[in-house]
């Protein structure tokens, strides 16, 4: 098999995966579609230059994998800020046909999203934490700290 034919096969597989990912969007209710449309209108990048190197690398994985199925504006501007929200979201995306998100990629994407939300979306995070019990707040803080401890000062 030639390099050209391998490249053509890979291109077909990627395009098929993108079509499958986008077809899954057709199953969403109208209210959710409207919410997503608002997220899609915002910026599609994050300035990660002041983030730790490991998180910067995870951002690269996030950009490569997540843009296969939807705009990057969607997760960048979403109202998800809690680690459990990101965990559910990444797992759901990982299992969509054509996402090509491996478990290792999912961990990197999750770490980036949790780190980014704790830095860039602090006000939204505080608002979601406010009604939680002290125990639940502590659990969320522990998950965020776990990500920061892994990447800060490295």
N, C-alpha and C. Protein backbone atom coordinates (compact mmCIF):
# COMPACT_ATOMS: atom_id res chain seq x y z
N UNK A 1 0.84 -1.16 0.00
CA UNK A 1 0.00 0.00 0.00
C UNK A 1 0.90 1.24 0.00
N UNK A 2 0.59 2.20 -0.81
CA UNK A 2 1.42 3.39 -0.92
C UNK A 2 1.06 4.40 0.17
N UNK A 3 1.97 5.33 0.39
CA UNK A 3 1.72 6.40 1.36
C UNK A 3 0.51 7.21 0.96
N UNK A 4 0.34 7.43 -0.33
CA UNK A 4 -0.79 8.21 -0.83
C UNK A 4 -2.11 7.50 -0.52
N UNK A 5 -2.15 6.17 -0.73
CA UNK A 5 -3.40 5.44 -0.48
C UNK A 5 -3.70 5.37 1.02
N UNK A 6 -2.67 5.25 1.85
CA UNK A 6 -2.87 5.26 3.30
C UNK A 6 -3.43 6.62 3.71
N UNK A 7 -2.87 7.69 3.16
CA UNK A 7 -3.36 9.04 3.46
C UNK A 7 -4.82 9.20 3.05
N UNK A 8 -5.18 8.65 1.91
CA UNK A 8 -6.57 8.74 1.43
C UNK A 8 -7.51 7.98 2.37
N UNK A 9 -7.08 6.82 2.83
CA UNK A 9 -7.90 6.03 3.76
C UNK A 9 -8.09 6.78 5.07
N UNK A 10 -7.03 7.35 5.59
CA UNK A 10 -7.11 8.12 6.83
C UNK A 10 -8.06 9.30 6.66
N UNK A 11 -7.96 10.00 5.54
CA UNK A 11 -8.85 11.14 5.27
C UNK A 11 -10.30 10.70 5.26
N UNK A 12 -10.61 9.59 4.60
CA UNK A 12 -11.98 9.08 4.55
C UNK A 12 -12.46 8.72 5.95
N UNK A 13 -11.62 8.08 6.75
CA UNK A 13 -12.00 7.71 8.11
C UNK A 13 -12.28 8.94 8.96
N UNK A 14 -11.44 9.95 8.86
CA UNK A 14 -11.64 11.18 9.63
C UNK A 14 -12.93 11.87 9.21
N UNK A 15 -13.16 12.00 7.92
CA UNK A 15 -14.38 12.65 7.44
C UNK A 15 -15.63 11.87 7.83
N UNK A 16 -15.54 10.55 7.82
CA UNK A 16 -16.66 9.72 8.26
C UNK A 16 -16.92 9.95 9.74
N UNK A 17 -15.87 10.01 10.53
CA UNK A 17 -16.01 10.27 11.96
C UNK A 17 -16.64 11.62 12.23
N UNK A 18 -16.22 12.64 11.50
CA UNK A 18 -16.79 13.98 11.67
C UNK A 18 -18.28 13.95 11.33
N UNK A 19 -18.64 13.28 10.25
CA UNK A 19 -20.05 13.19 9.87
C UNK A 19 -20.86 12.49 10.95
N UNK A 20 -20.33 11.43 11.53
CA UNK A 20 -21.03 10.72 12.60
C UNK A 20 -21.18 11.60 13.83
N UNK A 21 -20.12 12.33 14.19
CA UNK A 21 -20.19 13.23 15.35
C UNK A 21 -21.27 14.28 15.13
N UNK A 22 -21.26 14.89 13.97
CA UNK A 22 -22.22 15.97 13.70
C UNK A 22 -23.64 15.44 13.58
N UNK A 23 -23.81 14.22 13.11
CA UNK A 23 -25.14 13.62 13.02
C UNK A 23 -25.74 13.43 14.41
N UNK A 24 -24.89 13.15 15.40
CA UNK A 24 -25.38 12.98 16.77
C UNK A 24 -26.00 14.26 17.30
N UNK A 25 -25.58 15.42 16.79
CA UNK A 25 -26.14 16.70 17.22
C UNK A 25 -27.61 16.83 16.85
N UNK A 26 -28.07 16.08 15.87
CA UNK A 26 -29.46 16.15 15.44
C UNK A 26 -30.43 15.61 16.50
N UNK A 27 -29.91 14.87 17.48
CA UNK A 27 -30.75 14.25 18.50
C UNK A 27 -30.98 15.16 19.71
N UNK A 28 -30.56 16.42 19.65
CA UNK A 28 -30.64 17.34 20.78
C UNK A 28 -31.94 18.13 20.73
N UNK A 29 -32.56 18.38 21.91
CA UNK A 29 -33.81 19.15 21.95
C UNK A 29 -33.56 20.62 21.63
N UNK A 30 -34.63 21.35 21.32
CA UNK A 30 -34.54 22.74 20.85
C UNK A 30 -33.90 23.67 21.89
N UNK A 31 -34.24 23.51 23.16
CA UNK A 31 -33.69 24.39 24.19
C UNK A 31 -32.18 24.20 24.32
N UNK A 32 -31.73 22.96 24.26
CA UNK A 32 -30.30 22.67 24.33
C UNK A 32 -29.59 23.19 23.10
N UNK A 33 -30.22 23.04 21.94
CA UNK A 33 -29.62 23.56 20.71
C UNK A 33 -29.44 25.08 20.80
N UNK A 34 -30.42 25.78 21.37
CA UNK A 34 -30.33 27.24 21.51
C UNK A 34 -29.19 27.61 22.46
N UNK A 35 -29.06 26.87 23.55
CA UNK A 35 -27.99 27.12 24.51
C UNK A 35 -26.63 26.90 23.85
N UNK A 36 -26.51 25.83 23.11
CA UNK A 36 -25.26 25.50 22.41
C UNK A 36 -24.94 26.58 21.38
N UNK A 37 -25.96 27.06 20.68
CA UNK A 37 -25.75 28.10 19.68
C UNK A 37 -25.14 29.35 20.32
N UNK A 38 -25.55 29.67 21.54
CA UNK A 38 -24.96 30.82 22.26
C UNK A 38 -23.49 30.57 22.57
N UNK A 39 -23.18 29.37 23.01
CA UNK A 39 -21.78 29.03 23.30
C UNK A 39 -20.93 29.13 22.04
N UNK A 40 -21.50 28.66 20.92
CA UNK A 40 -20.77 28.64 19.65
C UNK A 40 -20.45 30.04 19.13
N UNK A 41 -21.15 31.06 19.60
CA UNK A 41 -20.93 32.44 19.14
C UNK A 41 -19.69 33.07 19.76
N UNK A 42 -19.22 32.54 20.86
CA UNK A 42 -18.10 33.15 21.58
C UNK A 42 -16.75 32.80 20.98
N UNK A 43 -15.69 33.25 21.66
CA UNK A 43 -14.33 32.98 21.18
C UNK A 43 -14.05 31.48 21.15
N UNK A 44 -13.16 31.09 20.26
CA UNK A 44 -12.85 29.66 20.11
C UNK A 44 -11.46 29.30 20.62
N UNK A 45 -10.78 30.25 21.22
CA UNK A 45 -9.44 29.97 21.74
C UNK A 45 -9.32 30.47 23.16
N UNK A 46 -8.31 29.95 23.83
CA UNK A 46 -7.98 30.37 25.19
C UNK A 46 -6.50 30.74 25.19
N UNK A 47 -6.16 31.85 25.79
CA UNK A 47 -4.75 32.21 25.93
C UNK A 47 -4.18 31.39 27.09
N UNK A 48 -3.42 30.38 26.74
CA UNK A 48 -2.87 29.48 27.75
C UNK A 48 -1.39 29.79 28.04
N UNK A 49 -0.91 30.92 27.54
CA UNK A 49 0.52 31.23 27.68
C UNK A 49 0.96 31.35 29.13
N UNK A 50 0.04 31.65 30.03
CA UNK A 50 0.39 31.76 31.45
C UNK A 50 0.03 30.49 32.23
N UNK A 51 -0.46 29.46 31.54
CA UNK A 51 -0.78 28.19 32.18
C UNK A 51 0.49 27.33 32.24
N UNK A 52 0.54 26.37 33.14
CA UNK A 52 1.69 25.45 33.21
C UNK A 52 1.88 24.71 31.88
N UNK A 53 3.12 24.34 31.60
CA UNK A 53 3.45 23.67 30.33
C UNK A 53 2.59 22.42 30.08
N UNK A 54 2.37 21.64 31.12
CA UNK A 54 1.56 20.43 30.95
C UNK A 54 0.14 20.74 30.53
N UNK A 55 -0.44 21.77 31.09
CA UNK A 55 -1.79 22.19 30.72
C UNK A 55 -1.78 22.75 29.30
N UNK A 56 -0.71 23.44 28.93
CA UNK A 56 -0.60 23.94 27.55
C UNK A 56 -0.60 22.76 26.57
N UNK A 57 0.10 21.70 26.92
CA UNK A 57 0.10 20.49 26.08
C UNK A 57 -1.27 19.86 26.02
N UNK A 58 -1.98 19.85 27.15
CA UNK A 58 -3.33 19.29 27.18
C UNK A 58 -4.28 20.13 26.34
N UNK A 59 -4.04 21.43 26.29
CA UNK A 59 -4.84 22.33 25.46
C UNK A 59 -4.70 21.95 23.98
N UNK A 60 -3.50 21.57 23.60
CA UNK A 60 -3.26 21.13 22.22
C UNK A 60 -4.10 19.89 21.91
N UNK A 61 -4.12 18.93 22.83
CA UNK A 61 -4.93 17.72 22.65
C UNK A 61 -6.41 18.10 22.57
N UNK A 62 -6.85 18.96 23.47
CA UNK A 62 -8.23 19.46 23.47
C UNK A 62 -8.58 20.05 22.10
N UNK A 63 -7.73 20.92 21.59
CA UNK A 63 -8.00 21.58 20.29
C UNK A 63 -8.08 20.54 19.16
N UNK A 64 -7.15 19.60 19.16
CA UNK A 64 -7.11 18.62 18.07
C UNK A 64 -8.31 17.68 18.11
N UNK A 65 -8.63 17.16 19.26
CA UNK A 65 -9.68 16.14 19.36
C UNK A 65 -11.08 16.75 19.34
N UNK A 66 -11.29 17.80 20.10
CA UNK A 66 -12.64 18.33 20.26
C UNK A 66 -13.14 19.04 19.01
N UNK A 67 -12.22 19.58 18.22
CA UNK A 67 -12.63 20.28 16.99
C UNK A 67 -13.07 19.32 15.90
N UNK A 68 -12.88 18.02 16.09
CA UNK A 68 -13.32 17.05 15.09
C UNK A 68 -14.85 16.99 15.00
N UNK A 69 -15.52 17.25 16.12
CA UNK A 69 -16.97 17.08 16.15
C UNK A 69 -17.77 18.37 16.34
N UNK A 70 -17.16 19.40 16.89
CA UNK A 70 -17.90 20.65 17.12
C UNK A 70 -16.92 21.81 17.20
N UNK A 71 -17.46 23.00 17.23
CA UNK A 71 -16.59 24.18 17.35
C UNK A 71 -15.91 24.15 18.71
N UNK A 72 -14.75 24.73 18.79
CA UNK A 72 -14.08 24.85 20.09
C UNK A 72 -14.75 25.91 20.95
N UNK A 73 -15.50 26.79 20.32
CA UNK A 73 -16.25 27.80 21.07
C UNK A 73 -17.21 27.13 22.06
N UNK A 74 -17.75 26.01 21.68
CA UNK A 74 -18.76 25.35 22.52
C UNK A 74 -18.21 25.04 23.92
N UNK A 75 -17.14 24.26 24.06
CA UNK A 75 -16.65 24.01 25.42
C UNK A 75 -15.96 25.23 26.04
N UNK A 76 -15.32 26.05 25.22
CA UNK A 76 -14.62 27.22 25.76
C UNK A 76 -15.60 28.17 26.44
N UNK A 77 -16.80 28.32 25.89
CA UNK A 77 -17.78 29.27 26.41
C UNK A 77 -18.92 28.63 27.18
N UNK A 78 -18.88 27.33 27.33
CA UNK A 78 -19.99 26.65 28.01
C UNK A 78 -20.05 27.09 29.47
N UNK A 79 -21.18 26.78 30.09
CA UNK A 79 -21.34 27.12 31.50
C UNK A 79 -20.90 25.98 32.41
N UNK A 80 -20.26 24.97 31.85
CA UNK A 80 -19.69 23.91 32.67
C UNK A 80 -18.44 24.44 33.36
N UNK A 81 -18.37 24.26 34.66
CA UNK A 81 -17.19 24.68 35.41
C UNK A 81 -16.81 23.68 36.50
N UNK A 82 -17.72 22.84 36.89
CA UNK A 82 -17.44 21.87 37.95
C UNK A 82 -16.73 20.65 37.36
N UNK A 83 -15.80 20.08 38.10
CA UNK A 83 -15.10 18.88 37.59
C UNK A 83 -16.03 17.76 37.16
N UNK A 84 -17.10 17.52 37.91
CA UNK A 84 -18.02 16.45 37.54
C UNK A 84 -18.76 16.76 36.23
N UNK A 85 -19.04 18.03 35.97
CA UNK A 85 -19.66 18.39 34.69
C UNK A 85 -18.70 18.08 33.55
N UNK A 86 -17.43 18.46 33.73
CA UNK A 86 -16.44 18.19 32.68
C UNK A 86 -16.21 16.69 32.52
N UNK A 87 -16.21 15.97 33.61
CA UNK A 87 -16.01 14.52 33.53
C UNK A 87 -17.11 13.87 32.70
N UNK A 88 -18.37 14.21 33.00
CA UNK A 88 -19.49 13.66 32.24
C UNK A 88 -19.41 14.05 30.76
N UNK A 89 -19.10 15.32 30.52
CA UNK A 89 -19.04 15.84 29.15
C UNK A 89 -17.95 15.12 28.34
N UNK A 90 -16.76 15.01 28.93
CA UNK A 90 -15.65 14.37 28.21
C UNK A 90 -15.96 12.90 27.97
N UNK A 91 -16.52 12.22 28.96
CA UNK A 91 -16.88 10.80 28.77
C UNK A 91 -17.91 10.64 27.66
N UNK A 92 -18.91 11.54 27.65
CA UNK A 92 -19.93 11.48 26.61
C UNK A 92 -19.32 11.70 25.23
N UNK A 93 -18.45 12.67 25.11
CA UNK A 93 -17.81 12.96 23.83
C UNK A 93 -16.90 11.80 23.40
N UNK A 94 -16.21 11.23 24.37
CA UNK A 94 -15.28 10.14 24.11
C UNK A 94 -16.00 8.95 23.46
N UNK A 95 -17.24 8.73 23.84
CA UNK A 95 -17.98 7.57 23.36
C UNK A 95 -18.79 7.85 22.10
N UNK A 96 -18.73 9.06 21.58
CA UNK A 96 -19.43 9.35 20.32
C UNK A 96 -18.64 8.75 19.16
N UNK A 97 -19.34 8.20 18.19
CA UNK A 97 -18.65 7.63 17.03
C UNK A 97 -17.81 8.70 16.33
N UNK A 98 -16.58 8.36 16.04
CA UNK A 98 -15.73 9.27 15.30
C UNK A 98 -14.96 10.27 16.14
N UNK A 99 -15.14 10.26 17.46
CA UNK A 99 -14.46 11.26 18.28
C UNK A 99 -12.95 11.03 18.35
N UNK A 100 -12.54 9.80 18.24
CA UNK A 100 -11.12 9.44 18.31
C UNK A 100 -10.45 9.93 19.59
N UNK A 101 -11.20 9.98 20.69
CA UNK A 101 -10.65 10.39 21.98
C UNK A 101 -10.34 9.12 22.77
N UNK A 102 -9.06 8.88 22.99
CA UNK A 102 -8.62 7.71 23.77
C UNK A 102 -8.77 8.04 25.26
N UNK A 103 -8.70 7.03 26.13
CA UNK A 103 -8.75 7.31 27.56
C UNK A 103 -7.63 8.27 28.00
N UNK A 104 -6.44 8.14 27.43
CA UNK A 104 -5.33 9.04 27.77
C UNK A 104 -5.64 10.47 27.31
N UNK A 105 -6.21 10.60 26.11
CA UNK A 105 -6.62 11.92 25.62
C UNK A 105 -7.69 12.51 26.52
N UNK A 106 -8.65 11.68 26.93
CA UNK A 106 -9.76 12.14 27.78
C UNK A 106 -9.23 12.72 29.09
N UNK A 107 -8.23 12.07 29.67
CA UNK A 107 -7.65 12.58 30.93
C UNK A 107 -7.01 13.94 30.72
N UNK A 108 -6.33 14.11 29.60
CA UNK A 108 -5.69 15.39 29.30
C UNK A 108 -6.72 16.48 29.04
N UNK A 109 -7.76 16.14 28.30
CA UNK A 109 -8.82 17.11 28.00
C UNK A 109 -9.51 17.51 29.30
N UNK A 110 -9.84 16.53 30.12
CA UNK A 110 -10.48 16.80 31.42
C UNK A 110 -9.60 17.72 32.26
N UNK A 111 -8.32 17.42 32.37
CA UNK A 111 -7.42 18.24 33.18
C UNK A 111 -7.37 19.67 32.66
N UNK A 112 -7.29 19.82 31.32
CA UNK A 112 -7.29 21.17 30.77
C UNK A 112 -8.57 21.90 31.13
N UNK A 113 -9.72 21.27 30.91
CA UNK A 113 -11.00 21.93 31.14
C UNK A 113 -11.21 22.29 32.61
N UNK A 114 -10.83 21.42 33.51
CA UNK A 114 -10.96 21.72 34.95
C UNK A 114 -10.02 22.85 35.33
N UNK A 115 -8.79 22.78 34.88
CA UNK A 115 -7.81 23.83 35.18
C UNK A 115 -8.30 25.17 34.63
N UNK A 116 -8.67 25.18 33.37
CA UNK A 116 -9.11 26.41 32.71
C UNK A 116 -10.34 27.00 33.41
N UNK A 117 -11.31 26.17 33.75
CA UNK A 117 -12.52 26.67 34.42
C UNK A 117 -12.18 27.27 35.78
N UNK A 118 -11.20 26.69 36.47
CA UNK A 118 -10.85 27.20 37.80
C UNK A 118 -10.08 28.51 37.73
N UNK A 119 -9.51 28.81 36.57
CA UNK A 119 -8.75 30.05 36.40
C UNK A 119 -9.58 31.09 35.66
N UNK A 120 -10.07 30.74 34.49
CA UNK A 120 -10.71 31.70 33.61
C UNK A 120 -12.19 31.92 33.92
N UNK A 121 -12.82 30.94 34.54
CA UNK A 121 -14.26 31.03 34.82
C UNK A 121 -14.53 31.05 36.32
N UNK A 122 -13.66 31.71 37.06
CA UNK A 122 -13.75 31.71 38.53
C UNK A 122 -15.11 32.21 39.04
N UNK A 123 -15.64 33.26 38.45
CA UNK A 123 -16.93 33.80 38.91
C UNK A 123 -18.05 32.78 38.70
N UNK A 124 -18.07 32.11 37.57
CA UNK A 124 -19.08 31.09 37.30
C UNK A 124 -18.90 29.90 38.24
N UNK A 125 -17.66 29.55 38.52
CA UNK A 125 -17.39 28.47 39.46
C UNK A 125 -17.90 28.83 40.85
N UNK A 126 -17.61 30.05 41.30
CA UNK A 126 -18.08 30.50 42.61
C UNK A 126 -19.61 30.47 42.69
N UNK A 127 -20.27 30.87 41.61
CA UNK A 127 -21.73 30.87 41.58
C UNK A 127 -22.30 29.46 41.69
N UNK A 128 -21.64 28.50 41.06
CA UNK A 128 -22.12 27.11 41.13
C UNK A 128 -21.79 26.47 42.48
N UNK A 129 -20.73 26.95 43.10
CA UNK A 129 -20.37 26.42 44.41
C UNK A 129 -21.26 26.97 45.52
N UNK A 130 -21.74 28.18 45.37
CA UNK A 130 -22.49 28.88 46.43
C UNK A 130 -23.62 28.06 47.05
N UNK A 131 -24.49 27.43 46.25
CA UNK A 131 -25.61 26.71 46.88
C UNK A 131 -25.24 25.32 47.42
N UNK A 132 -24.03 24.86 47.19
CA UNK A 132 -23.65 23.52 47.61
C UNK A 132 -23.38 23.45 49.11
N UNK A 133 -23.52 22.27 49.64
CA UNK A 133 -23.19 22.04 51.04
C UNK A 133 -21.69 22.16 51.24
N UNK A 134 -21.28 22.35 52.47
CA UNK A 134 -19.85 22.44 52.77
C UNK A 134 -19.12 21.18 52.31
N UNK A 135 -19.75 20.05 52.49
CA UNK A 135 -19.15 18.77 52.09
C UNK A 135 -18.97 18.70 50.57
N UNK A 136 -19.99 19.11 49.83
CA UNK A 136 -19.91 19.09 48.36
C UNK A 136 -18.88 20.10 47.86
N UNK A 137 -18.83 21.27 48.48
CA UNK A 137 -17.83 22.27 48.10
C UNK A 137 -16.43 21.72 48.31
N UNK A 138 -16.23 21.04 49.42
CA UNK A 138 -14.91 20.47 49.73
C UNK A 138 -14.54 19.40 48.69
N UNK A 139 -15.52 18.61 48.27
CA UNK A 139 -15.26 17.57 47.27
C UNK A 139 -14.86 18.20 45.93
N UNK A 140 -15.55 19.26 45.54
CA UNK A 140 -15.21 19.96 44.29
C UNK A 140 -13.81 20.57 44.41
N UNK A 141 -13.55 21.24 45.53
CA UNK A 141 -12.24 21.86 45.75
C UNK A 141 -11.13 20.83 45.69
N UNK A 142 -11.38 19.65 46.23
CA UNK A 142 -10.36 18.59 46.23
C UNK A 142 -10.06 18.14 44.79
N UNK A 143 -11.07 18.03 43.95
CA UNK A 143 -10.85 17.62 42.55
C UNK A 143 -10.08 18.69 41.78
N UNK A 144 -10.41 19.94 42.02
CA UNK A 144 -9.69 21.03 41.36
C UNK A 144 -8.25 21.07 41.85
N UNK A 145 -8.07 20.91 43.15
CA UNK A 145 -6.71 20.92 43.74
C UNK A 145 -5.88 19.78 43.18
N UNK A 146 -6.49 18.64 42.98
CA UNK A 146 -5.77 17.48 42.42
C UNK A 146 -5.18 17.82 41.05
N UNK A 147 -5.97 18.50 40.22
CA UNK A 147 -5.48 18.90 38.89
C UNK A 147 -4.37 19.93 39.04
N UNK A 148 -4.60 20.94 39.88
CA UNK A 148 -3.57 21.97 40.07
C UNK A 148 -2.29 21.38 40.63
N UNK A 149 -2.41 20.48 41.59
CA UNK A 149 -1.22 19.87 42.19
C UNK A 149 -0.41 19.09 41.16
N UNK A 150 -1.10 18.50 40.20
CA UNK A 150 -0.40 17.73 39.17
C UNK A 150 0.36 18.63 38.20
N UNK A 151 -0.14 19.85 37.97
CA UNK A 151 0.43 20.68 36.91
C UNK A 151 1.13 21.95 37.39
N UNK A 152 0.72 22.53 38.49
CA UNK A 152 1.35 23.75 38.96
C UNK A 152 2.80 23.49 39.37
N UNK A 153 3.63 24.46 39.16
CA UNK A 153 5.06 24.39 39.54
C UNK A 153 5.82 23.32 38.78
N UNK A 154 5.36 22.99 37.58
CA UNK A 154 6.07 21.98 36.79
C UNK A 154 6.48 22.56 35.48
